[in-house]
Amino acid sequence: MTSSDAAPAPAPEKSVAADARPSVKTPTAKEERADFLKFLVKLAVVVLILRSFIFSPFSIPSESMQPRLLIGDYLVVNKMAYGYSRYSLPFGVPLIPGRIFASLPERGDVVVFKAPPTQQEDYIKRVIGLPGDRIQVVDGAVILNGKKVERVRVADAVIPVTDNMRAAASVTGAGEYGGVAGPTNPCYLPQFEDVDGNGQASCRYPRYRETLPGGRSYDVLDLVEGGAGTQDVTRVFVVPAGHVFMMGDNRDRSADSRFAAVPGGGIGMVPVENLVGKAQFSVFSTDGSAQWYNPISWFSAARWDRVGKSF
């Protein structure tokens, strides 16, 4: 066979994989901005749903729920506990008529609600009375449906004086009871203030253990027996249908259902429609000493022993 009879050399094969590879389109700056905006909108919707219908944060601005809650505590509130109303939504947008999926709280629940008469501010108090209950306070003791709620004197509550307590006292006075202005001492009165050898001030308050029918127990403070504005002795209140009777655990520093609903004062009976949610547990607490320009102080100001406490 001559060289001219040899078979021609095969042509080089084309790379099928290379030809089949799709081209990658680089998004333009305008498309990237649009995608980012879509992400923000979706995130906002998710946060709105969570805050409106599932859980919501709440911070403590006053002493009315001492000793359980301190100024600077941050809580998670269960929005599903009692159903939903317009007050479940941001700014109270009237999209929900009345209350849906409604259920009553239990006596002893710690509840966040829109405070009468303005329905503008969030308050946090403890539920003492339900519809139909008869409630009276006699010498500081709660009388529920004709029976005295068990109250036992226990060890004093000792609460360190913090920057946020001093700030609150200087702005609002130490008395948040029925609109009666209180002194500016963060411990309410000088007789309750202790100072140790290092100069650290603490508030030492008379504390009682209160137990509701059914066994629910919690601590309360009763600072001044029969003091002006303290409502240690009240008339008999009858809780109307669709309402609850609220009291603060710090009985002499709480504007609650013992006082008529007036702006800047008491709240009267609270409509069930006003309930926002049930306090579940503490997620953070700060003593108010943090400075925004000093990151170390963000950690030193935290009261880590208060994180995770449930109700």
Protein backbone atom coordinates (compact mmCIF):
# COMPACT_ATOMS: atom_id res chain seq x y z
CA MET A 1 0.00 0.00 0.00
CA THR A 2 1.39 3.35 -0.95
CA SER A 3 1.36 6.41 1.24
CA SER A 4 -1.30 7.91 -1.01
CA ASP A 5 -3.66 5.05 -0.08
CA ALA A 6 -3.42 5.76 3.69
CA ALA A 7 -6.66 6.87 5.43
CA PRO A 8 -6.90 10.61 6.08
CA ALA A 9 -6.26 11.70 9.67
CA PRO A 10 -9.51 12.32 11.64
CA ALA A 11 -10.55 15.93 12.21
CA PRO A 12 -10.20 17.16 15.85
CA GLU A 13 -13.41 16.72 17.87
CA LYS A 14 -15.22 19.78 19.13
CA SER A 15 -15.80 20.07 22.88
CA VAL A 16 -19.52 19.47 23.27
CA ALA A 17 -19.42 20.39 26.97
CA ALA A 18 -17.75 23.70 26.22
CA ASP A 19 -20.28 24.56 23.48
CA ALA A 20 -23.22 23.55 25.71
CA ARG A 21 -22.14 25.62 28.74
CA PRO A 22 -24.64 28.46 29.22
CA SER A 23 -23.36 31.97 29.29
CA VAL A 24 -23.44 33.67 32.71
CA LYS A 25 -25.14 37.04 32.76
CA THR A 26 -23.70 39.51 35.20
CA PRO A 27 -26.53 41.49 36.86
CA THR A 28 -26.43 45.20 36.38
CA ALA A 29 -26.18 47.62 39.29
CA LYS A 30 -29.85 48.50 38.80
CA GLU A 31 -30.89 44.83 39.05
CA GLU A 32 -28.78 44.34 42.18
CA ARG A 33 -30.49 47.33 43.82
CA ALA A 34 -33.91 45.96 42.87
CA ASP A 35 -33.08 42.53 44.33
CA PHE A 36 -31.85 44.13 47.55
CA LEU A 37 -35.03 46.18 47.87
CA LYS A 38 -37.13 43.04 47.35
CA PHE A 39 -35.18 41.34 50.14
CA LEU A 40 -35.78 44.28 52.49
CA VAL A 41 -39.51 44.27 51.73
CA LYS A 42 -39.75 40.52 52.40
CA LEU A 43 -37.79 40.93 55.63
CA ALA A 44 -40.05 43.77 56.75
CA VAL A 45 -43.15 41.66 56.07
CA VAL A 46 -41.74 38.74 58.08
CA VAL A 47 -40.84 41.03 61.01
CA LEU A 48 -44.27 42.68 60.86
CA ILE A 49 -46.01 39.30 61.01
CA LEU A 50 -43.83 38.12 63.90
CA ARG A 51 -44.32 41.31 65.93
CA SER A 52 -48.04 41.56 65.23
CA PHE A 53 -49.16 37.97 65.68
CA ILE A 54 -46.50 35.84 67.40
CA PHE A 55 -43.92 37.53 69.65
CA SER A 56 -42.94 41.11 70.40
CA PRO A 57 -40.28 42.78 72.56
CA PHE A 58 -41.15 45.07 75.46
CA SER A 59 -38.96 47.14 77.79
CA ILE A 60 -39.65 48.15 81.39
CA PRO A 61 -39.65 51.94 81.97
CA SER A 62 -40.88 52.20 85.59
CA GLU A 63 -40.78 50.65 89.07
CA SER A 64 -44.44 49.60 89.15
CA MET A 65 -43.69 45.86 88.79
CA GLN A 66 -40.80 45.63 91.25
CA PRO A 67 -39.48 43.30 92.57
CA ARG A 68 -40.12 40.97 89.59
CA LEU A 69 -39.35 43.55 86.92
CA LEU A 70 -36.72 46.29 87.06
CA ILE A 71 -36.21 49.36 84.92
CA GLY A 72 -34.05 48.26 82.00
CA ASP A 73 -35.47 44.74 81.69
CA TYR A 74 -36.40 43.57 78.19
CA LEU A 75 -39.09 40.93 77.74
CA VAL A 76 -40.62 38.74 75.07
CA VAL A 77 -44.41 39.04 74.93
CA ASN A 78 -46.57 36.24 73.53
CA LYS A 79 -49.05 37.91 71.15
CA MET A 80 -51.01 34.67 70.60
CA ALA A 81 -52.02 34.16 74.23
CA TYR A 82 -55.28 36.11 74.33
CA GLY A 83 -56.21 36.52 70.68
CA TYR A 84 -55.91 39.58 68.48
CA SER A 85 -57.42 43.05 68.24
CA ARG A 86 -56.48 46.31 66.56
CA TYR A 87 -53.97 46.81 69.39
CA SER A 88 -52.03 43.78 68.19
CA LEU A 89 -51.08 45.76 65.09
CA PRO A 90 -48.51 48.56 64.86
CA PHE A 91 -50.01 51.95 65.74
CA GLY A 92 -53.35 50.30 66.54
CA VAL A 93 -54.42 50.25 62.90
CA PRO A 94 -58.18 49.36 62.99
CA LEU A 95 -58.02 46.35 60.66
CA ILE A 96 -59.30 43.79 63.18
CA PRO A 97 -62.89 44.26 64.40
CA GLY A 98 -63.27 43.63 68.14
CA ARG A 99 -61.14 40.67 69.21
CA ILE A 100 -60.64 37.42 67.32
CA PHE A 101 -59.49 34.04 68.71
CA ALA A 102 -60.13 35.64 72.11
CA SER A 103 -59.39 33.96 75.44
CA LEU A 104 -59.28 35.39 78.95
CA PRO A 105 -56.04 35.63 80.90
CA GLU A 106 -55.66 33.75 84.17
CA ARG A 107 -55.39 35.46 87.52
CA GLY A 108 -51.72 36.13 88.16
CA ASP A 109 -50.72 36.53 84.50
CA VAL A 110 -48.36 39.43 83.77
CA VAL A 111 -49.85 41.21 80.78
CA VAL A 112 -48.91 44.02 78.40
CA PHE A 113 -51.87 46.15 77.31
CA LYS A 114 -52.89 49.53 75.95
CA ALA A 115 -53.69 51.67 78.96
CA PRO A 116 -57.04 53.43 79.26
CA PRO A 117 -58.26 56.07 78.79
CA THR A 118 -56.08 57.06 75.81
CA GLN A 119 -55.09 53.57 74.57
CA GLN A 120 -51.81 55.11 73.45
CA GLU A 121 -49.26 53.79 75.96
CA ASP A 122 -48.19 50.21 76.65
CA TYR A 123 -48.47 49.26 80.34
CA ILE A 124 -47.52 46.03 82.07
CA LYS A 125 -49.38 44.81 85.17
CA ARG A 126 -50.58 41.63 86.84
CA VAL A 127 -54.13 40.35 86.35
CA ILE A 128 -55.88 40.14 89.74
CA GLY A 129 -59.56 40.08 88.79
CA LEU A 130 -61.62 38.58 85.97
CA PRO A 131 -65.15 39.46 84.81
CA GLY A 132 -67.64 39.11 87.68
CA ASP A 133 -64.98 39.20 90.43
CA ARG A 134 -65.42 41.45 93.46
CA ILE A 135 -62.15 43.04 94.59
CA GLN A 136 -61.24 45.25 97.50
CA VAL A 137 -57.98 46.23 99.20
CA VAL A 138 -58.04 46.40 103.01
CA ASP A 139 -54.88 47.39 104.91
CA GLY A 140 -52.82 46.47 101.85
CA ALA A 141 -54.31 42.97 101.51
CA VAL A 142 -56.38 41.99 98.47
CA ILE A 143 -59.89 40.69 99.19
CA LEU A 144 -61.04 38.57 96.24
CA ASN A 145 -64.69 37.54 96.15
CA GLY A 146 -64.99 38.00 99.90
CA LYS A 147 -61.85 36.01 100.80
CA LYS A 148 -58.51 37.49 101.78
CA VAL A 149 -55.71 36.59 99.38
CA GLU A 150 -52.94 34.90 101.36
CA ARG A 151 -50.08 37.32 102.03
CA VAL A 152 -46.97 36.37 104.03
CA ARG A 153 -44.10 38.66 105.03
CA VAL A 154 -40.79 37.41 103.61
CA ALA A 155 -37.23 38.74 103.46
CA ASP A 156 -36.82 42.33 102.32
CA ALA A 157 -36.26 42.96 98.64
CA VAL A 158 -32.84 44.54 98.08
CA ILE A 159 -32.51 46.29 94.72
CA PRO A 160 -29.23 48.03 93.78
CA VAL A 161 -29.71 51.65 92.74
CA THR A 162 -28.78 52.01 89.06
CA ASP A 163 -28.35 54.83 86.59
CA ASN A 164 -31.67 54.15 84.92
CA MET A 165 -33.46 54.23 88.30
CA ARG A 166 -31.93 57.62 89.05
CA ALA A 167 -32.88 58.89 85.59
CA ALA A 168 -36.47 57.70 85.95
CA ALA A 169 -36.81 59.29 89.39
CA SER A 170 -35.43 62.63 88.19
CA VAL A 171 -37.82 62.77 85.23
CA THR A 172 -41.08 61.42 86.62
CA GLY A 173 -40.62 61.46 90.39
CA ALA A 174 -40.57 58.24 92.33
CA GLY A 175 -44.34 57.92 92.51
CA GLU A 176 -46.26 56.35 89.64
CA TYR A 177 -49.45 56.02 91.63
CA GLY A 178 -52.69 57.64 90.60
CA GLY A 179 -51.01 60.69 89.13
CA VAL A 180 -49.73 61.78 92.57
CA ALA A 181 -46.25 63.23 92.17
CA GLY A 182 -43.67 61.39 94.24
CA PRO A 183 -40.24 62.32 95.59
CA THR A 184 -37.22 62.11 93.31
CA ASN A 185 -35.33 59.61 95.47
CA PRO A 186 -34.89 56.42 93.38
CA CYS A 187 -35.75 54.44 96.55
CA TYR A 188 -39.01 56.38 96.95
CA LEU A 189 -38.11 57.60 100.44
CA PRO A 190 -34.71 58.01 102.15
CA GLN A 191 -35.72 55.46 104.81
CA PHE A 192 -35.56 52.71 102.17
CA GLU A 193 -32.05 53.57 100.96
CA ASP A 194 -29.00 51.65 102.20
CA VAL A 195 -25.38 52.53 101.35
CA ASP A 196 -22.63 49.95 101.84
CA GLY A 197 -18.98 50.56 102.68
CA ASN A 198 -18.09 50.95 99.00
CA GLY A 199 -20.66 53.68 98.49
CA GLN A 200 -23.06 51.43 96.55
CA ALA A 201 -26.66 52.43 97.24
CA SER A 202 -29.48 49.89 97.38
CA CYS A 203 -33.20 50.08 98.01
CA ARG A 204 -34.45 47.83 100.81
CA TYR A 205 -38.20 47.30 100.63
CA PRO A 206 -40.74 45.33 102.73
CA ARG A 207 -41.68 42.29 100.64
CA TYR A 208 -44.66 39.93 100.83
CA ARG A 209 -45.47 36.62 99.16
CA GLU A 210 -48.99 36.70 97.75
CA THR A 211 -50.84 33.52 96.71
CA LEU A 212 -54.00 33.62 94.63
CA PRO A 213 -56.75 31.00 94.68
CA GLY A 214 -55.42 28.10 92.62
CA GLY A 215 -51.89 28.42 94.03
CA ARG A 216 -50.34 31.13 91.81
CA SER A 217 -47.69 32.93 93.93
CA TYR A 218 -45.57 36.03 93.38
CA ASP A 219 -43.79 38.71 95.42
CA VAL A 220 -45.21 42.19 96.04
CA LEU A 221 -43.91 45.32 97.75
CA ASP A 222 -45.96 47.34 100.25
CA LEU A 223 -43.86 50.33 101.21
CA VAL A 224 -46.13 52.65 103.15
CA GLU A 225 -49.13 51.41 105.09
CA GLY A 226 -52.07 53.69 104.50
CA GLY A 227 -49.95 56.40 102.89
CA ALA A 228 -51.56 59.17 100.87
CA GLY A 229 -52.37 57.97 97.37
CA THR A 230 -51.32 54.40 98.08
CA GLN A 231 -54.83 52.92 98.01
CA ASP A 232 -54.14 50.50 100.85
CA VAL A 233 -57.87 50.74 101.55
CA THR A 234 -60.34 50.85 98.66
CA ARG A 235 -64.02 50.45 97.94
CA VAL A 236 -65.32 47.19 96.50
CA PHE A 237 -64.77 46.94 92.76
CA VAL A 238 -66.94 44.68 90.59
CA VAL A 239 -65.20 43.71 87.35
CA PRO A 240 -67.64 44.16 84.45
CA ALA A 241 -67.99 41.76 81.54
CA GLY A 242 -65.20 42.04 78.97
CA HIS A 243 -62.78 43.65 81.44
CA VAL A 244 -59.98 42.68 83.85
CA PHE A 245 -58.65 44.23 87.07
CA MET A 246 -54.92 44.97 86.99
CA MET A 247 -52.47 45.76 89.78
CA GLY A 248 -48.73 46.45 89.87
CA ASP A 249 -46.59 44.29 92.17
CA ASN A 250 -45.10 47.47 93.68
CA ARG A 251 -48.38 48.44 95.28
CA ASP A 252 -47.45 51.97 96.39
CA ARG A 253 -45.85 52.95 93.07
CA SER A 254 -48.34 51.66 90.53
CA ALA A 255 -51.08 53.50 88.66
CA ASP A 256 -53.49 50.62 88.15
CA SER A 257 -57.15 49.56 88.34
CA ARG A 258 -57.51 50.92 91.89
CA PHE A 259 -57.49 54.39 90.36
CA ALA A 260 -59.94 55.93 87.91
CA ALA A 261 -58.83 56.05 84.28
CA VAL A 262 -57.47 59.54 83.69
CA PRO A 263 -54.61 60.66 81.42
CA GLY A 264 -51.35 60.39 83.35
CA GLY A 265 -53.08 58.66 86.27
CA GLY A 266 -54.89 55.41 86.90
CA ILE A 267 -56.28 53.01 84.32
CA GLY A 268 -59.56 51.77 85.80
CA MET A 269 -60.87 48.47 84.52
CA VAL A 270 -59.01 47.34 81.41
CA PRO A 271 -61.06 46.10 78.42
CA VAL A 272 -60.00 42.66 77.22
CA GLU A 273 -59.78 44.18 73.74
CA ASN A 274 -56.81 46.26 74.98
CA LEU A 275 -54.65 43.23 75.81
CA VAL A 276 -51.49 43.03 73.70
CA GLY A 277 -49.93 39.84 75.03
CA LYS A 278 -48.62 37.76 77.90
CA ALA A 279 -45.12 38.30 79.31
CA GLN A 280 -43.08 35.13 78.72
CA PHE A 281 -39.45 35.63 79.75
CA SER A 282 -36.66 38.20 80.05
CA VAL A 283 -34.20 38.38 77.16
CA PHE A 284 -31.91 41.18 78.36
CA SER A 285 -31.42 43.66 81.18
CA THR A 286 -29.26 46.75 81.56
CA ASP A 287 -28.53 49.03 84.52
CA GLY A 288 -28.40 52.10 82.28
CA SER A 289 -24.69 52.79 82.63
CA ALA A 290 -23.77 51.88 79.04
CA GLN A 291 -22.28 54.59 76.81
CA TRP A 292 -22.76 54.33 73.05
CA TYR A 293 -19.13 55.27 72.35
CA ASN A 294 -17.72 52.65 74.76
CA PRO A 295 -18.43 49.08 73.57
CA ILE A 296 -16.99 47.61 76.77
CA SER A 297 -19.70 49.37 78.77
CA TRP A 298 -22.36 47.61 76.69
CA PHE A 299 -21.34 44.38 78.38
CA SER A 300 -20.50 45.72 81.84
CA ALA A 301 -23.95 47.38 82.05
CA ALA A 302 -25.77 44.12 81.34
CA ARG A 303 -27.41 42.28 84.24
CA TRP A 304 -26.79 38.78 82.94
CA ASP A 305 -28.36 37.09 85.98
CA ARG A 306 -31.75 38.46 84.93
CA VAL A 307 -31.66 37.02 81.40
CA GLY A 308 -33.92 34.03 80.79
CA LYS A 309 -36.18 34.48 83.83
CA SER A 310 -39.71 33.32 83.04
CA PHE A 311 -43.08 34.25 84.51
